[in-house]
Amino acid sequence: MYFTGERPIERDAISRIEPPQLPTLDQLERQVLATVRTASALLKQAIRVPDGHEWRVDSECFDMHGAPLAACEHGTSFFIRKTFAPGIDEADRLNDPHQLAAEIRLFLPAQQYLFDNRIRTFRKYGGRRFSAHLSVKFGPQRAERYLECLDESNREPETDTLEELIDAIAKTMNAALAGQVSEQLTPNKLPQQI
């Protein structure tokens, strides 16, 4: 509500107004790690992984070299990959025409924090909302022989809360993963190697 008339303001009242409290570096690092780990758990609950595939999440990368802010500055990736028997070599894994490879790259909102008595910004060029970049590739995972299952319209959800983002990601990813499994695409339907 705006005041229409002038009101005298006491100088002492101005000096008592405290600036918004910013987290310290340590506090923000703990917050970022907790948020990423929560996102990991929620994604694993919400997304139905096709048979023969599994999550690949290296939780240690969240605390890369003791610097979680640096590790998460450009997003944090969660992967779904096909599982292979131990004896299958790398070339055969890459060339397998019946596999899905999904990536969810999570971006946290920009956040200011205090470090060395200065205000710094985590994800300086990031927005103020939670967002993600999604990809689901079907087919051989090399030389552009795969088929991207998501179009541009649903690859980059953006929401105000983490829970809303997880719901949006799950809706898109579950539809894409289930669609590819049910269609049972064959190698001759995939883009040809150039």
N, C-alpha and C. Protein backbone atom coordinates (compact mmCIF):
# COMPACT_ATOMS: atom_id res chain seq x y z
N MET A 1 0.84 -1.17 0.00
CA MET A 1 0.00 0.00 0.00
C MET A 1 0.88 1.23 0.00
N TYR A 2 0.55 2.21 -0.85
CA TYR A 2 1.34 3.41 -0.96
C TYR A 2 0.68 4.53 -0.18
N PHE A 3 1.50 5.38 0.42
CA PHE A 3 0.97 6.54 1.14
C PHE A 3 0.90 7.72 0.18
N THR A 4 -0.20 8.49 0.23
CA THR A 4 -0.37 9.61 -0.69
C THR A 4 0.13 10.92 -0.10
N GLY A 5 0.20 11.02 1.19
CA GLY A 5 0.68 12.26 1.80
C GLY A 5 2.10 12.10 2.31
N GLU A 6 2.73 13.25 2.57
CA GLU A 6 4.08 13.18 3.11
C GLU A 6 4.03 12.85 4.58
N ARG A 7 4.93 12.04 5.02
CA ARG A 7 5.02 11.71 6.43
C ARG A 7 6.46 11.95 6.88
N PRO A 8 6.63 12.59 7.96
CA PRO A 8 8.01 12.79 8.45
C PRO A 8 8.61 11.45 8.89
N ILE A 9 9.86 11.25 8.55
CA ILE A 9 10.55 10.02 8.91
C ILE A 9 11.67 10.36 9.87
N GLU A 10 11.70 9.67 10.98
CA GLU A 10 12.76 9.91 11.95
C GLU A 10 14.07 9.32 11.44
N ARG A 11 15.13 10.07 11.61
CA ARG A 11 16.43 9.57 11.16
C ARG A 11 16.83 8.30 11.90
N ASP A 12 16.49 8.20 13.16
CA ASP A 12 16.84 6.99 13.91
C ASP A 12 16.13 5.77 13.35
N ALA A 13 14.92 5.96 12.81
CA ALA A 13 14.17 4.83 12.24
C ALA A 13 14.88 4.30 11.01
N ILE A 14 15.46 5.17 10.22
CA ILE A 14 16.18 4.74 9.02
C ILE A 14 17.40 3.91 9.41
N SER A 15 18.12 4.33 10.43
CA SER A 15 19.32 3.61 10.82
C SER A 15 19.00 2.24 11.42
N ARG A 16 17.76 2.06 11.89
CA ARG A 16 17.37 0.77 12.49
C ARG A 16 16.91 -0.24 11.43
N ILE A 17 16.70 0.20 10.19
CA ILE A 17 16.29 -0.74 9.14
C ILE A 17 17.49 -1.60 8.78
N GLU A 18 17.32 -2.92 8.91
CA GLU A 18 18.43 -3.82 8.63
C GLU A 18 18.35 -4.34 7.20
N PRO A 19 19.49 -4.47 6.54
CA PRO A 19 19.48 -5.02 5.18
C PRO A 19 19.05 -6.48 5.21
N PRO A 20 18.57 -6.99 4.09
CA PRO A 20 18.18 -8.40 4.06
C PRO A 20 19.37 -9.29 4.41
N GLN A 21 19.11 -10.34 5.15
CA GLN A 21 20.17 -11.23 5.60
C GLN A 21 20.57 -12.16 4.47
N LEU A 22 21.85 -12.14 4.09
CA LEU A 22 22.36 -13.03 3.05
C LEU A 22 23.08 -14.20 3.71
N PRO A 23 23.01 -15.38 3.11
CA PRO A 23 23.75 -16.52 3.67
C PRO A 23 25.24 -16.32 3.49
N THR A 24 26.00 -16.96 4.34
CA THR A 24 27.45 -16.98 4.16
C THR A 24 27.77 -18.04 3.11
N LEU A 25 29.02 -18.10 2.69
CA LEU A 25 29.45 -19.12 1.74
C LEU A 25 29.13 -20.52 2.26
N ASP A 26 29.49 -20.78 3.52
CA ASP A 26 29.25 -22.11 4.09
C ASP A 26 27.76 -22.44 4.13
N GLN A 27 26.94 -21.48 4.51
CA GLN A 27 25.50 -21.71 4.56
C GLN A 27 24.94 -21.99 3.17
N LEU A 28 25.37 -21.23 2.18
CA LEU A 28 24.87 -21.43 0.82
C LEU A 28 25.34 -22.78 0.26
N GLU A 29 26.58 -23.17 0.55
CA GLU A 29 27.07 -24.47 0.09
C GLU A 29 26.22 -25.59 0.66
N ARG A 30 25.89 -25.52 1.96
CA ARG A 30 25.03 -26.55 2.57
C ARG A 30 23.65 -26.54 1.93
N GLN A 31 23.13 -25.36 1.67
CA GLN A 31 21.81 -25.23 1.04
C GLN A 31 21.80 -25.83 -0.37
N VAL A 32 22.83 -25.53 -1.15
CA VAL A 32 22.93 -26.04 -2.52
C VAL A 32 23.04 -27.57 -2.51
N LEU A 33 23.90 -28.11 -1.65
CA LEU A 33 24.05 -29.57 -1.57
C LEU A 33 22.74 -30.23 -1.15
N ALA A 34 22.06 -29.66 -0.17
CA ALA A 34 20.78 -30.23 0.28
C ALA A 34 19.75 -30.17 -0.84
N THR A 35 19.72 -29.09 -1.60
CA THR A 35 18.75 -28.95 -2.69
C THR A 35 19.03 -29.95 -3.80
N VAL A 36 20.30 -30.12 -4.17
CA VAL A 36 20.65 -31.05 -5.24
C VAL A 36 20.37 -32.49 -4.81
N ARG A 37 20.67 -32.81 -3.58
CA ARG A 37 20.40 -34.18 -3.10
C ARG A 37 18.89 -34.44 -3.00
N THR A 38 18.14 -33.43 -2.61
CA THR A 38 16.67 -33.56 -2.58
C THR A 38 16.15 -33.77 -4.00
N ALA A 39 16.66 -32.97 -4.95
CA ALA A 39 16.24 -33.12 -6.35
C ALA A 39 16.55 -34.52 -6.85
N SER A 40 17.72 -35.04 -6.51
CA SER A 40 18.10 -36.39 -6.93
C SER A 40 17.11 -37.42 -6.41
N ALA A 41 16.77 -37.34 -5.14
CA ALA A 41 15.83 -38.29 -4.54
C ALA A 41 14.44 -38.15 -5.17
N LEU A 42 13.98 -36.93 -5.38
CA LEU A 42 12.65 -36.72 -5.96
C LEU A 42 12.58 -37.20 -7.41
N LEU A 43 13.65 -36.95 -8.18
CA LEU A 43 13.67 -37.42 -9.57
C LEU A 43 13.62 -38.94 -9.64
N LYS A 44 14.37 -39.60 -8.77
CA LYS A 44 14.38 -41.07 -8.76
C LYS A 44 13.00 -41.63 -8.41
N GLN A 45 12.26 -40.93 -7.57
CA GLN A 45 10.92 -41.37 -7.21
C GLN A 45 9.92 -41.10 -8.33
N ALA A 46 10.09 -39.99 -9.04
CA ALA A 46 9.07 -39.52 -9.99
C ALA A 46 9.22 -40.09 -11.40
N ILE A 47 10.42 -40.50 -11.78
CA ILE A 47 10.65 -40.93 -13.17
C ILE A 47 10.74 -42.45 -13.24
N ARG A 48 9.97 -43.00 -14.15
CA ARG A 48 9.94 -44.45 -14.35
C ARG A 48 11.05 -44.84 -15.34
N VAL A 49 12.07 -45.50 -14.83
CA VAL A 49 13.21 -45.90 -15.65
C VAL A 49 12.86 -47.19 -16.40
N PRO A 50 13.06 -47.21 -17.72
CA PRO A 50 12.74 -48.42 -18.49
C PRO A 50 13.57 -49.63 -18.05
N ASP A 51 13.02 -50.81 -18.27
CA ASP A 51 13.75 -52.04 -17.96
C ASP A 51 15.10 -52.03 -18.67
N GLY A 52 16.10 -52.53 -17.97
CA GLY A 52 17.43 -52.61 -18.56
C GLY A 52 18.20 -51.30 -18.50
N HIS A 53 17.65 -50.31 -17.86
CA HIS A 53 18.31 -49.00 -17.72
C HIS A 53 18.38 -48.65 -16.24
N GLU A 54 19.28 -47.73 -15.89
CA GLU A 54 19.44 -47.34 -14.49
C GLU A 54 19.88 -45.89 -14.38
N TRP A 55 19.70 -45.36 -13.18
CA TRP A 55 20.19 -44.01 -12.88
C TRP A 55 21.71 -44.04 -12.77
N ARG A 56 22.33 -42.98 -13.26
CA ARG A 56 23.77 -42.79 -13.05
C ARG A 56 23.93 -41.41 -12.43
N VAL A 57 24.06 -41.40 -11.14
CA VAL A 57 24.22 -40.14 -10.42
C VAL A 57 25.41 -40.29 -9.50
N ASP A 58 26.40 -39.46 -9.70
CA ASP A 58 27.58 -39.49 -8.84
C ASP A 58 27.42 -38.40 -7.80
N SER A 59 26.92 -38.80 -6.63
CA SER A 59 26.65 -37.79 -5.60
C SER A 59 27.92 -37.10 -5.12
N GLU A 60 29.07 -37.73 -5.30
CA GLU A 60 30.32 -37.10 -4.89
C GLU A 60 30.65 -35.89 -5.76
N CYS A 61 30.16 -35.86 -6.99
CA CYS A 61 30.47 -34.72 -7.86
C CYS A 61 29.82 -33.45 -7.35
N PHE A 62 28.79 -33.57 -6.50
CA PHE A 62 28.15 -32.39 -5.95
C PHE A 62 29.12 -31.61 -5.07
N ASP A 63 30.09 -32.31 -4.51
CA ASP A 63 31.05 -31.68 -3.61
C ASP A 63 32.44 -31.72 -4.23
N MET A 64 32.50 -31.47 -5.54
CA MET A 64 33.73 -31.56 -6.30
C MET A 64 34.85 -30.73 -5.66
N HIS A 65 35.89 -31.40 -5.25
CA HIS A 65 37.07 -30.76 -4.67
C HIS A 65 36.70 -29.81 -3.53
N GLY A 66 35.65 -30.16 -2.78
CA GLY A 66 35.26 -29.33 -1.65
C GLY A 66 34.64 -28.01 -2.04
N ALA A 67 34.22 -27.88 -3.28
CA ALA A 67 33.65 -26.61 -3.76
C ALA A 67 32.32 -26.85 -4.46
N PRO A 68 31.24 -27.11 -3.68
CA PRO A 68 29.96 -27.43 -4.32
C PRO A 68 29.40 -26.30 -5.17
N LEU A 69 29.69 -25.05 -4.84
CA LEU A 69 29.17 -23.96 -5.66
C LEU A 69 29.79 -24.01 -7.05
N ALA A 70 31.09 -24.26 -7.11
CA ALA A 70 31.75 -24.37 -8.41
C ALA A 70 31.22 -25.57 -9.18
N ALA A 71 30.96 -26.68 -8.47
CA ALA A 71 30.46 -27.89 -9.13
C ALA A 71 29.06 -27.69 -9.70
N CYS A 72 28.26 -26.85 -9.08
CA CYS A 72 26.86 -26.65 -9.50
C CYS A 72 26.64 -25.35 -10.27
N GLU A 73 27.67 -24.57 -10.47
CA GLU A 73 27.54 -23.27 -11.13
C GLU A 73 26.88 -23.37 -12.50
N HIS A 74 27.26 -24.39 -13.25
CA HIS A 74 26.75 -24.54 -14.62
C HIS A 74 25.76 -25.69 -14.73
N GLY A 75 25.11 -26.02 -13.63
CA GLY A 75 24.11 -27.07 -13.63
C GLY A 75 24.65 -28.38 -13.10
N THR A 76 23.74 -29.24 -12.69
CA THR A 76 24.08 -30.56 -12.17
C THR A 76 23.34 -31.59 -12.99
N SER A 77 24.05 -32.58 -13.52
CA SER A 77 23.43 -33.57 -14.41
C SER A 77 23.11 -34.88 -13.71
N PHE A 78 21.94 -35.41 -14.08
CA PHE A 78 21.48 -36.73 -13.65
C PHE A 78 21.25 -37.52 -14.94
N PHE A 79 21.72 -38.77 -14.98
CA PHE A 79 21.66 -39.56 -16.21
C PHE A 79 20.85 -40.84 -16.02
N ILE A 80 20.23 -41.28 -17.11
CA ILE A 80 19.64 -42.62 -17.19
C ILE A 80 20.34 -43.29 -18.37
N ARG A 81 20.95 -44.45 -18.11
CA ARG A 81 21.70 -45.15 -19.14
C ARG A 81 21.34 -46.63 -19.13
N LYS A 82 21.60 -47.29 -20.23
CA LYS A 82 21.37 -48.73 -20.33
C LYS A 82 22.42 -49.47 -19.52
N THR A 83 22.01 -50.57 -18.91
CA THR A 83 22.95 -51.42 -18.19
C THR A 83 23.44 -52.51 -19.15
N PHE A 84 24.71 -52.80 -19.08
CA PHE A 84 25.31 -53.82 -19.94
C PHE A 84 26.01 -54.87 -19.09
N ALA A 85 26.11 -56.08 -19.63
CA ALA A 85 26.87 -57.13 -18.95
C ALA A 85 28.33 -56.70 -18.87
N PRO A 86 29.06 -57.14 -17.85
CA PRO A 86 30.44 -56.70 -17.66
C PRO A 86 31.36 -56.94 -18.84
N GLY A 87 31.15 -57.98 -19.64
CA GLY A 87 32.06 -58.30 -20.73
C GLY A 87 31.87 -57.50 -22.01
N ILE A 88 30.83 -56.66 -22.10
CA ILE A 88 30.55 -55.89 -23.32
C ILE A 88 31.54 -54.74 -23.43
N ASP A 89 32.25 -54.64 -24.57
CA ASP A 89 33.24 -53.56 -24.70
C ASP A 89 32.55 -52.22 -25.03
N GLU A 90 33.32 -51.16 -24.90
CA GLU A 90 32.80 -49.79 -25.03
C GLU A 90 32.21 -49.53 -26.41
N ALA A 91 32.83 -50.03 -27.47
CA ALA A 91 32.32 -49.82 -28.83
C ALA A 91 30.95 -50.45 -29.00
N ASP A 92 30.77 -51.67 -28.48
CA ASP A 92 29.47 -52.34 -28.58
C ASP A 92 28.41 -51.60 -27.77
N ARG A 93 28.82 -51.04 -26.64
CA ARG A 93 27.87 -50.26 -25.83
C ARG A 93 27.41 -49.03 -26.60
N LEU A 94 28.33 -48.33 -27.20
CA LEU A 94 27.99 -47.11 -27.95
C LEU A 94 27.12 -47.43 -29.16
N ASN A 95 27.36 -48.56 -29.80
CA ASN A 95 26.65 -48.91 -31.03
C ASN A 95 25.32 -49.63 -30.82
N ASP A 96 24.98 -49.95 -29.59
CA ASP A 96 23.73 -50.66 -29.32
C ASP A 96 22.54 -49.83 -29.80
N PRO A 97 21.74 -50.34 -30.75
CA PRO A 97 20.64 -49.55 -31.30
C PRO A 97 19.40 -49.52 -30.42
N HIS A 98 19.37 -50.33 -29.36
CA HIS A 98 18.17 -50.42 -28.52
C HIS A 98 18.46 -49.88 -27.12
N GLN A 99 18.87 -48.63 -27.06
CA GLN A 99 19.15 -48.03 -25.76
C GLN A 99 18.62 -46.60 -25.72
N LEU A 100 18.31 -46.20 -24.50
CA LEU A 100 17.94 -44.81 -24.24
C LEU A 100 19.06 -44.19 -23.41
N ALA A 101 19.35 -42.93 -23.68
CA ALA A 101 20.30 -42.18 -22.88
C ALA A 101 19.63 -40.85 -22.55
N ALA A 102 19.31 -40.66 -21.29
CA ALA A 102 18.61 -39.45 -20.87
C ALA A 102 19.51 -38.63 -19.96
N GLU A 103 19.38 -37.31 -20.08
CA GLU A 103 20.10 -36.40 -19.18
C GLU A 103 19.14 -35.33 -18.70
N ILE A 104 19.20 -35.08 -17.41
CA ILE A 104 18.46 -33.98 -16.79
C ILE A 104 19.52 -33.07 -16.19
N ARG A 105 19.65 -31.88 -16.74
CA ARG A 105 20.62 -30.92 -16.20
C ARG A 105 19.86 -29.88 -15.43
N LEU A 106 20.02 -29.89 -14.12
CA LEU A 106 19.29 -29.03 -13.19
C LEU A 106 20.06 -27.74 -12.93
N PHE A 107 19.35 -26.62 -13.02
CA PHE A 107 19.94 -25.31 -12.73
C PHE A 107 19.21 -24.67 -11.56
N LEU A 108 19.97 -24.30 -10.55
CA LEU A 108 19.39 -23.64 -9.38
C LEU A 108 19.30 -22.13 -9.64
N PRO A 109 18.41 -21.45 -8.93
CA PRO A 109 18.31 -20.00 -9.12
C PRO A 109 19.58 -19.27 -8.67
N ALA A 110 19.81 -18.11 -9.25
CA ALA A 110 20.93 -17.27 -8.80
C ALA A 110 20.69 -16.88 -7.35
N GLN A 111 21.78 -16.72 -6.61
CA GLN A 111 21.65 -16.40 -5.18
C GLN A 111 22.87 -15.59 -4.74
N GLN A 112 22.63 -14.51 -4.04
CA GLN A 112 23.72 -13.73 -3.47
C GLN A 112 24.10 -14.31 -2.11
N TYR A 113 25.40 -14.16 -1.77
CA TYR A 113 25.88 -14.65 -0.48
C TYR A 113 27.06 -13.78 -0.04
N LEU A 114 27.43 -13.90 1.22
CA LEU A 114 28.55 -13.13 1.77
C LEU A 114 29.80 -13.99 1.84
N PHE A 115 30.90 -13.42 1.37
CA PHE A 115 32.19 -14.10 1.46
C PHE A 115 33.27 -13.04 1.58
N ASP A 116 34.11 -13.13 2.60
CA ASP A 116 35.16 -12.14 2.85
C ASP A 116 34.59 -10.72 2.92
N ASN A 117 33.47 -10.58 3.60
CA ASN A 117 32.81 -9.29 3.78
C ASN A 117 32.39 -8.63 2.47
N ARG A 118 32.22 -9.44 1.45
CA ARG A 118 31.75 -8.92 0.16
C ARG A 118 30.55 -9.73 -0.29
N ILE A 119 29.71 -9.10 -1.07
CA ILE A 119 28.55 -9.79 -1.62
C ILE A 119 28.97 -10.44 -2.94
N ARG A 120 28.78 -11.74 -3.02
CA ARG A 120 29.10 -12.50 -4.23
C ARG A 120 27.80 -13.10 -4.76
N THR A 121 27.85 -13.61 -6.00
CA THR A 121 26.65 -14.20 -6.59
C THR A 121 26.95 -15.59 -7.13
N PHE A 122 26.18 -16.56 -6.65
CA PHE A 122 26.22 -17.92 -7.17
C PHE A 122 25.32 -17.95 -8.40
N ARG A 123 25.83 -18.47 -9.52
CA ARG A 123 25.13 -18.49 -10.82
C ARG A 123 24.80 -17.06 -11.25
N LYS A 124 25.83 -16.25 -11.34
CA LYS A 124 25.69 -14.83 -11.68
C LYS A 124 24.82 -14.59 -12.91
N TYR A 125 24.92 -15.45 -13.91
CA TYR A 125 24.15 -15.25 -15.13
C TYR A 125 22.90 -16.13 -15.19
N GLY A 126 22.60 -16.77 -14.07
CA GLY A 126 21.40 -17.60 -14.00
C GLY A 126 20.19 -16.74 -13.68
N GLY A 127 19.03 -17.29 -13.88
CA GLY A 127 17.80 -16.58 -13.57
C GLY A 127 17.41 -16.73 -12.11
N ARG A 128 16.27 -16.23 -11.77
CA ARG A 128 15.76 -16.30 -10.40
C ARG A 128 14.84 -17.49 -10.19
N ARG A 129 14.75 -18.38 -11.18
CA ARG A 129 13.85 -19.52 -11.09
C ARG A 129 14.63 -20.82 -11.23
N PHE A 130 13.99 -21.92 -10.82
CA PHE A 130 14.56 -23.24 -11.04
C PHE A 130 14.33 -23.61 -12.50
N SER A 131 15.31 -24.25 -13.12
CA SER A 131 15.15 -24.63 -14.52
C SER A 131 15.95 -25.90 -14.80
N ALA A 132 15.73 -26.45 -16.00
CA ALA A 132 16.44 -27.67 -16.39
C ALA A 132 16.58 -27.71 -17.90
N HIS A 133 17.53 -28.49 -18.35
CA HIS A 133 17.66 -28.82 -19.77
C HIS A 133 17.53 -30.33 -19.86
N LEU A 134 16.60 -30.80 -20.70
CA LEU A 134 16.30 -32.23 -20.79
C LEU A 134 16.69 -32.80 -22.15
N SER A 135 17.11 -34.05 -22.15
CA SER A 135 17.43 -34.74 -23.39
C SER A 135 17.14 -36.22 -23.21
N VAL A 136 16.49 -36.82 -24.21
CA VAL A 136 16.28 -38.27 -24.25
C VAL A 136 16.68 -38.72 -25.65
N LYS A 137 17.75 -39.50 -25.73
CA LYS A 137 18.26 -39.97 -27.03
C LYS A 137 18.06 -41.47 -27.14
N PHE A 138 17.50 -41.89 -28.28
CA PHE A 138 17.28 -43.31 -28.51
C PHE A 138 18.19 -43.79 -29.63
N GLY A 139 18.83 -44.93 -29.42
CA GLY A 139 19.68 -45.52 -30.45
C GLY A 139 21.14 -45.45 -30.11
N PRO A 140 22.01 -45.76 -31.09
CA PRO A 140 23.46 -45.72 -30.86
C PRO A 140 23.89 -44.34 -30.36
N GLN A 141 24.73 -44.32 -29.36
CA GLN A 141 25.12 -43.07 -28.73
C GLN A 141 26.44 -42.52 -29.28
N ARG A 142 26.56 -42.55 -30.60
CA ARG A 142 27.76 -41.98 -31.21
C ARG A 142 27.43 -41.49 -32.61
N ALA A 143 28.23 -40.60 -33.08
CA ALA A 143 28.19 -40.12 -34.47
C ALA A 143 26.79 -39.68 -34.92
N GLU A 144 26.06 -39.04 -34.00
CA GLU A 144 24.73 -38.51 -34.35
C GLU A 144 23.80 -39.56 -34.93
N ARG A 145 23.94 -40.81 -34.54
CA ARG A 145 23.06 -41.86 -35.06
C ARG A 145 21.84 -42.04 -34.18
N TYR A 146 21.76 -41.31 -33.10
CA TYR A 146 20.62 -41.42 -32.19
C TYR A 146 19.47 -40.51 -32.65
N LEU A 147 18.33 -40.75 -32.07
CA LEU A 147 17.14 -39.93 -32.33
C LEU A 147 16.82 -39.16 -31.05
N GLU A 148 16.81 -37.83 -31.13
CA GLU A 148 16.41 -37.02 -29.96
C GLU A 148 14.90 -37.09 -29.86
N CYS A 149 14.40 -37.52 -28.71
CA CYS A 149 12.97 -37.76 -28.53
C CYS A 149 12.19 -36.54 -28.06
N LEU A 150 12.87 -35.49 -27.64
CA LEU A 150 12.19 -34.28 -27.16
C LEU A 150 12.35 -33.16 -28.17
N ASP A 151 11.28 -32.39 -28.36
CA ASP A 151 11.42 -31.23 -29.23
C ASP A 151 11.73 -30.00 -28.38
N GLU A 152 12.04 -28.91 -29.03
CA GLU A 152 12.47 -27.70 -28.33
C GLU A 152 11.42 -27.17 -27.35
N SER A 153 10.15 -27.42 -27.61
CA SER A 153 9.09 -26.84 -26.79
C SER A 153 9.03 -27.40 -25.37
N ASN A 154 9.57 -28.59 -25.14
CA ASN A 154 9.48 -29.15 -23.79
C ASN A 154 10.84 -29.55 -23.21
N ARG A 155 11.91 -29.02 -23.77
CA ARG A 155 13.25 -29.39 -23.30
C ARG A 155 13.79 -28.50 -22.20
N GLU A 156 13.17 -27.37 -21.94
CA GLU A 156 13.73 -26.44 -20.95
C GLU A 156 12.66 -25.89 -20.01
N PRO A 157 12.15 -26.73 -19.10
CA PRO A 157 11.15 -26.25 -18.16
C PRO A 157 11.76 -25.26 -17.17
N GLU A 158 10.92 -24.35 -16.69
CA GLU A 158 11.35 -23.33 -15.73
C GLU A 158 10.19 -23.06 -14.78
N THR A 159 10.45 -23.11 -13.47
CA THR A 159 9.39 -22.94 -12.48
C THR A 159 9.89 -22.12 -11.29
N ASP A 160 8.95 -21.80 -10.41
CA ASP A 160 9.30 -21.01 -9.22
C ASP A 160 9.82 -21.87 -8.07
N THR A 161 9.43 -23.14 -8.03
CA THR A 161 9.86 -24.00 -6.92
C THR A 161 10.48 -25.28 -7.46
N LEU A 162 11.26 -25.92 -6.62
CA LEU A 162 11.88 -27.19 -6.99
C LEU A 162 10.82 -28.26 -7.22
N GLU A 163 9.81 -28.29 -6.38
CA GLU A 163 8.75 -29.31 -6.52
C GLU A 163 8.02 -29.16 -7.85
N GLU A 164 7.72 -27.94 -8.26
CA GLU A 164 7.07 -27.71 -9.56
C GLU A 164 7.98 -28.16 -10.70
N LEU A 165 9.27 -27.90 -10.56
CA LEU A 165 10.21 -28.31 -11.60
C LEU A 165 10.27 -29.83 -11.71
N ILE A 166 10.33 -30.52 -10.58
CA ILE A 166 10.38 -31.98 -10.60
C ILE A 166 9.13 -32.53 -11.28
N ASP A 167 7.96 -31.96 -10.98
CA ASP A 167 6.71 -32.41 -11.62
C ASP A 167 6.76 -32.21 -13.13
N ALA A 168 7.26 -31.05 -13.57
CA ALA A 168 7.35 -30.76 -15.01
C ALA A 168 8.35 -31.71 -15.69
N ILE A 169 9.49 -31.94 -15.05
CA ILE A 169 10.48 -32.85 -15.61
C ILE A 169 9.91 -34.26 -15.71
N ALA A 170 9.28 -34.73 -14.64
CA ALA A 170 8.75 -36.09 -14.62
C ALA A 170 7.70 -36.29 -15.71
N LYS A 171 6.84 -35.32 -15.88
CA LYS A 171 5.80 -35.43 -16.91
C LYS A 171 6.42 -35.59 -18.30
N THR A 172 7.39 -34.74 -18.61
CA THR A 172 8.06 -34.79 -19.92
C THR A 172 8.88 -36.06 -20.10
N MET A 173 9.69 -36.38 -19.10
CA MET A 173 10.59 -37.53 -19.22
C MET A 173 9.82 -38.84 -19.25
N ASN A 174 8.83 -38.99 -18.40
CA ASN A 174 8.06 -40.24 -18.39
C ASN A 174 7.36 -40.46 -19.72
N ALA A 175 6.81 -39.41 -20.31
CA ALA A 175 6.15 -39.54 -21.61
C ALA A 175 7.16 -39.95 -22.68
N ALA A 176 8.33 -39.32 -22.70
CA ALA A 176 9.34 -39.64 -23.70
C ALA A 176 9.89 -41.05 -23.53
N LEU A 177 10.21 -41.41 -22.30
CA LEU A 177 10.78 -42.74 -22.05
C LEU A 177 9.76 -43.84 -22.36
N ALA A 178 8.53 -43.66 -21.93
CA ALA A 178 7.49 -44.66 -22.19
C ALA A 178 7.17 -44.74 -23.67
N GLY A 179 7.16 -43.61 -24.35
CA GLY A 179 6.87 -43.59 -25.79
C GLY A 179 7.89 -44.36 -26.59
N GLN A 180 9.15 -44.22 -26.26
CA GLN A 180 10.19 -44.91 -27.00
C GLN A 180 10.19 -46.40 -26.71
N VAL A 181 9.94 -46.77 -25.47
CA VAL A 181 9.91 -48.19 -25.12
C VAL A 181 8.73 -48.85 -25.82
N SER A 182 7.56 -48.19 -25.86
CA SER A 182 6.38 -48.80 -26.47
C SER A 182 6.50 -48.89 -27.98
N GLU A 183 7.19 -47.94 -28.61
CA GLU A 183 7.33 -47.98 -30.07
C GLU A 183 8.34 -49.01 -30.52
N GLN A 184 9.28 -49.37 -29.64
CA GLN A 184 10.32 -50.33 -29.98
C GLN A 184 10.96 -49.98 -31.33
N LEU A 185 11.53 -48.79 -31.40
CA LEU A 185 12.17 -48.34 -32.64
C LEU A 185 13.25 -49.33 -33.06
N THR A 186 13.42 -49.46 -34.34
CA THR A 186 14.44 -50.36 -34.87
C THR A 186 15.55 -49.54 -35.49
N PRO A 187 16.74 -50.11 -35.67
CA PRO A 187 17.86 -49.35 -36.20
C PRO A 187 17.58 -48.69 -37.54
N ASN A 188 16.76 -49.31 -38.41
CA ASN A 188 16.55 -48.69 -39.72
C ASN A 188 15.66 -47.45 -39.64
N LYS A 189 15.08 -47.18 -38.48
CA LYS A 189 14.29 -45.95 -38.31
C LYS A 189 15.14 -44.82 -37.75
N LEU A 190 16.37 -45.13 -37.40
CA LEU A 190 17.25 -44.12 -36.81
C LEU A 190 18.00 -43.37 -37.90
N PRO A 191 18.45 -42.13 -37.58
CA PRO A 191 19.24 -41.40 -38.57
C PRO A 191 20.48 -42.18 -38.97
N GLN A 192 20.82 -42.16 -40.22
CA GLN A 192 21.97 -42.88 -40.73
C GLN A 192 23.27 -42.13 -40.42
N GLN A 193 24.32 -42.87 -40.22
CA GLN A 193 25.61 -42.27 -39.96
C GLN A 193 26.09 -41.53 -41.20
N ILE A 194 26.65 -40.34 -41.00
CA ILE A 194 27.12 -39.53 -42.13
C ILE A 194 28.54 -39.92 -42.47
